[in-house]
């Protein structure tokens, strides 16, 4: 793996799944893998940032501090992710000895070492304590109100066009799903819902339910929120899958909004995705 640099396609959790394969192999061989232009703030993941198994070309702390992360994300990251730059890096890696630059998507071959180093991978991808503490504090207060918290992952935004909008569900369809969940837990009236969405929505539409959300959310806080739920429900997504993996939380992928939901249909994501 010496000299391997990975550009992972997709958004944050797509990249997490991809990186996990290469980092697991790096741990196994006691080497380092380079991560090129990640689609998240590296400093939000201090264990990953300081890991002896990972390096981040062109993410130089002194420069980031000087120009600010916002400018880095606005100018430097898009430049490094531009197609012509990626193609140039691929070409250069063919002539520079001991350097291998790879553009990888989530369908890439999985490493068997993911199983062996699963706990270490979770530790590496743990967010900064201040982020996790903020979300945990909110959930601890909600635990005083609810016996069960069900995470509802509403995926809008890019899912309007992803696979022709197959998994883009309207808010009213999520409400029907939530009513099914209440019926599923009919013996326990203290059911609360945590709602996470990747765009602004009208939460008033959910006023008939006991629910809460993170104020001033971002993708990382919502991800941690889902991971702290007792169950997670949402359309097929690497995002909710990663939340499920992080805390071994039962997950149900809504592939058909008309399908009936039951407890036996929830899965642990590593059983079908991570370990195969």
Protein backbone atom coordinates (compact mmCIF):
# COMPACT_ATOMS: atom_id res chain seq x y z
CA UNK A 1 0.00 0.00 0.00
CA UNK A 2 3.02 2.29 0.15
CA UNK A 3 2.30 5.61 -1.53
CA UNK A 4 -1.41 4.94 -1.98
CA UNK A 5 -3.56 8.08 -2.17
CA UNK A 6 -7.35 7.73 -2.31
CA UNK A 7 -9.89 10.12 -3.74
CA UNK A 8 -13.29 8.83 -2.59
CA UNK A 9 -16.38 9.89 -4.51
CA UNK A 10 -19.64 10.94 -2.88
CA UNK A 11 -20.54 12.74 0.30
CA UNK A 12 -19.23 12.27 3.85
CA UNK A 13 -20.57 8.81 4.73
CA UNK A 14 -19.96 7.39 1.26
CA UNK A 15 -16.37 8.41 1.84
CA UNK A 16 -16.30 6.89 5.33
CA UNK A 17 -17.31 3.50 3.93
CA UNK A 18 -14.67 3.75 1.21
CA UNK A 19 -11.87 4.93 3.51
CA UNK A 20 -12.64 2.19 6.03
CA UNK A 21 -11.44 -0.45 3.57
CA UNK A 22 -8.10 1.18 2.89
CA UNK A 23 -7.46 2.23 6.48
CA UNK A 24 -8.19 -1.32 7.67
CA UNK A 25 -5.54 -2.59 5.24
CA UNK A 26 -3.12 0.12 6.40
CA UNK A 27 -3.58 -0.93 10.02
CA UNK A 28 -2.98 -4.56 9.06
CA UNK A 29 0.29 -3.77 7.26
CA UNK A 30 1.33 -0.91 9.58
CA UNK A 31 1.47 1.51 6.66
CA UNK A 32 -0.22 4.80 5.79
CA UNK A 33 -2.86 5.68 3.23
CA UNK A 34 -3.33 9.17 1.82
CA UNK A 35 -6.80 10.73 1.75
CA UNK A 36 -7.26 13.32 -0.97
CA UNK A 37 -9.70 16.25 -0.56
CA UNK A 38 -12.25 14.70 1.83
CA UNK A 39 -15.76 16.11 1.80
CA UNK A 40 -15.81 16.93 5.52
CA UNK A 41 -13.85 18.99 8.03
CA UNK A 42 -10.90 16.81 8.96
CA UNK A 43 -10.44 18.67 12.24
CA UNK A 44 -13.87 17.42 13.37
CA UNK A 45 -12.29 13.95 13.51
CA UNK A 46 -9.13 14.34 15.63
CA UNK A 47 -8.43 10.61 15.93
CA UNK A 48 -8.49 10.26 12.16
CA UNK A 49 -6.51 13.44 11.61
CA UNK A 50 -3.72 12.37 13.99
CA UNK A 51 -3.73 8.68 13.09
CA UNK A 52 -0.38 7.17 12.17
CA UNK A 53 -2.18 5.21 9.45
CA UNK A 54 -3.58 8.22 7.57
CA UNK A 55 -2.20 11.32 5.94
CA UNK A 56 -3.93 14.22 4.23
CA UNK A 57 -2.00 15.70 1.28
CA UNK A 58 -2.56 19.45 0.89
CA UNK A 59 -4.37 19.74 4.21
CA UNK A 60 -1.65 21.71 5.96
CA UNK A 61 -2.71 23.00 9.34
CA UNK A 62 -0.67 26.21 9.12
CA UNK A 63 -2.24 27.14 5.77
CA UNK A 64 -5.73 26.24 6.96
CA UNK A 65 -5.26 28.41 10.04
CA UNK A 66 -4.04 31.29 7.85
CA UNK A 67 -6.78 31.22 5.19
CA UNK A 68 -9.55 29.72 7.34
CA UNK A 69 -11.40 26.46 6.78
CA UNK A 70 -14.28 28.17 4.95
CA UNK A 71 -11.92 29.47 2.27
CA UNK A 72 -10.18 26.12 2.07
CA UNK A 73 -13.52 24.39 1.50
CA UNK A 74 -14.67 27.04 -0.99
CA UNK A 75 -11.52 27.28 -3.10
CA UNK A 76 -8.89 24.62 -2.37
CA UNK A 77 -11.13 21.56 -1.96
CA UNK A 78 -13.10 22.11 -5.23
CA UNK A 79 -9.80 22.68 -7.06
CA UNK A 80 -8.35 19.41 -5.76
CA UNK A 81 -11.61 17.61 -6.65
CA UNK A 82 -11.83 18.98 -10.18
CA UNK A 83 -11.93 16.26 -12.81
CA UNK A 84 -8.90 17.59 -14.69
CA UNK A 85 -6.82 17.63 -11.48
CA UNK A 86 -7.87 14.09 -10.60
CA UNK A 87 -7.01 12.85 -14.10
CA UNK A 88 -3.64 14.61 -13.89
CA UNK A 89 -2.92 12.94 -10.55
CA UNK A 90 -3.77 9.54 -12.04
CA UNK A 91 -1.39 10.15 -14.94
CA UNK A 92 1.41 11.36 -12.67
CA UNK A 93 1.04 8.31 -10.43
CA UNK A 94 1.89 6.13 -13.43
CA UNK A 95 5.29 7.75 -13.84
CA UNK A 96 6.20 8.58 -10.24
CA UNK A 97 7.67 5.50 -8.54
CA UNK A 98 5.93 4.11 -5.45
CA UNK A 99 2.91 6.41 -5.78
CA UNK A 100 -0.55 5.07 -6.55
CA UNK A 101 -3.44 7.53 -6.94
CA UNK A 102 -6.88 5.93 -7.03
CA UNK A 103 -10.35 7.33 -7.68
CA UNK A 104 -12.75 5.08 -5.79
CA UNK A 105 -16.52 4.82 -5.52
CA UNK A 106 -18.58 2.90 -2.97
CA UNK A 107 -18.88 -0.17 -5.19
CA UNK A 108 -15.12 -0.80 -4.94
CA UNK A 109 -13.92 -4.19 -3.67
CA UNK A 110 -14.25 -4.50 0.12
CA UNK A 111 -11.37 -5.40 2.42
CA UNK A 112 -11.63 -8.45 4.69
CA UNK A 113 -9.71 -6.48 7.30
CA UNK A 114 -12.78 -4.32 8.01
CA UNK A 115 -14.05 -7.07 10.29
CA UNK A 116 -10.75 -7.51 12.06
CA UNK A 117 -10.31 -3.82 12.83
CA UNK A 118 -13.93 -2.73 13.15
CA UNK A 119 -13.56 -1.31 16.66
CA UNK A 120 -10.43 0.62 15.72
CA UNK A 121 -12.18 2.04 12.67
CA UNK A 122 -15.06 3.27 14.83
CA UNK A 123 -12.57 4.97 17.14
CA UNK A 124 -10.80 6.63 14.22
CA UNK A 125 -14.05 8.00 12.79
CA UNK A 126 -15.35 9.25 16.14
CA UNK A 127 -16.15 12.97 15.97
CA UNK A 128 -14.61 15.57 18.22
CA UNK A 129 -15.80 15.34 21.82
CA UNK A 130 -17.46 18.77 21.75
CA UNK A 131 -19.72 17.70 18.87
CA UNK A 132 -20.67 14.39 20.46
CA UNK A 133 -21.20 16.00 23.88
CA UNK A 134 -23.65 18.57 22.49
CA UNK A 135 -25.78 15.88 20.84
CA UNK A 136 -25.53 13.50 23.79
CA UNK A 137 -26.72 16.23 26.17
CA UNK A 138 -29.85 16.74 24.05
CA UNK A 139 -30.58 13.00 23.91
CA UNK A 140 -30.00 12.54 27.62
CA UNK A 141 -32.70 15.12 28.31
CA UNK A 142 -35.08 13.42 25.87
CA UNK A 143 -34.48 10.06 27.53
CA UNK A 144 -36.30 11.49 30.54
CA UNK A 145 -39.40 11.91 28.34
CA UNK A 146 -39.31 8.82 26.10
CA UNK A 147 -38.75 5.11 26.62
CA UNK A 148 -37.82 4.64 22.96
CA UNK A 149 -36.42 7.14 20.46
CA UNK A 150 -36.85 6.33 16.77
CA UNK A 151 -34.65 8.20 14.30
CA UNK A 152 -36.36 9.31 11.10
CA UNK A 153 -33.88 10.07 8.34
CA UNK A 154 -35.64 12.26 5.78
CA UNK A 155 -33.41 12.30 2.73
CA UNK A 156 -34.38 15.11 0.40
CA UNK A 157 -31.96 17.31 -1.55
CA UNK A 158 -29.98 15.05 -3.88
CA UNK A 159 -32.55 12.24 -3.55
CA UNK A 160 -34.95 14.21 -5.77
CA UNK A 161 -32.89 12.96 -8.71
CA UNK A 162 -30.94 9.98 -7.29
CA UNK A 163 -32.15 6.85 -9.11
CA UNK A 164 -34.86 8.93 -10.72
CA UNK A 165 -36.26 10.01 -7.35
CA UNK A 166 -37.09 6.42 -6.40
CA UNK A 167 -36.33 7.01 -2.71
CA UNK A 168 -37.50 10.60 -2.47
CA UNK A 169 -40.50 10.48 -0.16
CA UNK A 170 -42.87 13.32 0.67
CA UNK A 171 -43.30 14.47 4.28
CA UNK A 172 -46.80 12.98 4.36
CA UNK A 173 -45.29 9.61 3.49
CA UNK A 174 -42.88 9.89 6.42
CA UNK A 175 -45.86 10.70 8.64
CA UNK A 176 -47.49 7.43 7.58
CA UNK A 177 -44.28 5.61 8.45
CA UNK A 178 -44.25 7.26 11.88
CA UNK A 179 -47.84 6.18 12.50
CA UNK A 180 -46.79 2.61 11.71
CA UNK A 181 -44.02 2.90 14.28
CA UNK A 182 -46.47 4.06 16.93
CA UNK A 183 -48.64 1.03 16.14
CA UNK A 184 -45.56 -1.20 16.33
CA UNK A 185 -44.90 0.09 19.87
CA UNK A 186 -48.56 0.31 20.88
CA UNK A 187 -47.80 -1.25 24.28
CA UNK A 188 -45.45 1.67 25.05
CA UNK A 189 -47.02 5.13 24.75
CA UNK A 190 -43.73 6.95 25.42
CA UNK A 191 -42.31 6.88 21.89
CA UNK A 192 -40.39 9.90 20.65
CA UNK A 193 -39.07 10.64 17.17
CA UNK A 194 -35.79 12.30 16.27
CA UNK A 195 -36.01 13.87 12.82
CA UNK A 196 -32.92 14.47 10.68
CA UNK A 197 -33.14 15.97 7.21
CA UNK A 198 -30.53 17.23 4.78
CA UNK A 199 -32.53 20.35 3.94
CA UNK A 200 -34.86 22.76 5.70
CA UNK A 201 -38.35 21.37 6.18
CA UNK A 202 -41.58 22.56 7.78
CA UNK A 203 -41.54 20.77 11.13
CA UNK A 204 -45.06 22.01 11.88
CA UNK A 205 -46.30 19.18 9.67
CA UNK A 206 -45.19 16.73 12.40
CA UNK A 207 -46.93 18.43 15.32
CA UNK A 208 -49.24 15.45 15.85
CA UNK A 209 -46.20 13.43 16.98
CA UNK A 210 -43.81 13.67 19.91
CA UNK A 211 -40.63 14.63 18.10
CA UNK A 212 -37.51 16.75 18.32
CA UNK A 213 -34.62 17.80 16.12
CA UNK A 214 -31.25 19.48 16.48
CA UNK A 215 -31.40 23.24 16.20
CA UNK A 216 -28.82 24.68 13.81
CA UNK A 217 -28.02 21.17 12.58
CA UNK A 218 -25.30 19.99 10.26
CA UNK A 219 -24.68 16.62 8.65
CA UNK A 220 -22.34 15.46 11.42
CA UNK A 221 -24.60 16.40 14.34
CA UNK A 222 -27.60 14.76 12.66
CA UNK A 223 -25.50 11.66 12.00
CA UNK A 224 -24.57 11.42 15.67
CA UNK A 225 -28.21 12.03 16.60
CA UNK A 226 -29.35 9.08 14.50
CA UNK A 227 -26.65 6.90 16.04
CA UNK A 228 -28.02 7.66 19.52
CA UNK A 229 -31.53 6.48 18.65
CA UNK A 230 -32.93 3.06 19.54
CA UNK A 231 -34.05 2.47 15.95
CA UNK A 232 -33.27 4.19 12.64
CA UNK A 233 -35.62 4.41 9.67
CA UNK A 234 -34.98 6.00 6.30
CA UNK A 235 -34.46 5.35 2.60
CA UNK A 236 -31.43 3.29 1.53
CA UNK A 237 -28.45 5.49 2.31
CA UNK A 238 -24.82 5.17 3.36
CA UNK A 239 -25.57 7.97 5.85
CA UNK A 240 -28.12 6.16 8.03
CA UNK A 241 -26.12 2.95 7.48
CA UNK A 242 -23.05 4.56 9.04
CA UNK A 243 -25.12 5.82 11.98
CA UNK A 244 -26.36 2.24 12.46
CA UNK A 245 -22.83 0.84 12.29
CA UNK A 246 -21.40 3.37 14.72
CA UNK A 247 -23.61 2.26 17.64
CA UNK A 248 -24.94 -1.09 16.37
CA UNK A 249 -28.43 0.43 16.11
CA UNK A 250 -31.22 -1.54 14.37
CA UNK A 251 -31.96 -0.06 10.94
CA UNK A 252 -34.86 -0.29 8.53
CA UNK A 253 -34.41 0.84 4.92
CA UNK A 254 -37.65 2.14 3.43
CA UNK A 255 -37.54 0.78 -0.11
CA UNK A 256 -41.31 0.89 -0.54
CA UNK A 257 -43.41 3.31 1.52
CA UNK A 258 -46.39 0.99 1.15
CA UNK A 259 -44.65 -1.93 2.86
CA UNK A 260 -45.62 -2.81 6.40
CA UNK A 261 -42.96 -2.20 9.04
CA UNK A 262 -42.32 -4.66 11.86
CA UNK A 263 -39.53 -5.16 14.39
CA UNK A 264 -38.26 -8.30 12.67
CA UNK A 265 -37.53 -6.27 9.51
CA UNK A 266 -34.89 -4.15 11.25
CA UNK A 267 -31.32 -5.23 10.62
CA UNK A 268 -27.83 -4.50 11.94
CA UNK A 269 -26.03 -2.99 9.01
CA UNK A 270 -22.76 -4.89 9.50
CA UNK A 271 -24.64 -8.17 9.08
CA UNK A 272 -25.54 -7.37 5.47
CA UNK A 273 -23.11 -4.70 4.36
CA UNK A 274 -19.96 -4.32 6.41
CA UNK A 275 -19.07 -7.95 6.97
CA UNK A 276 -19.57 -9.13 3.39
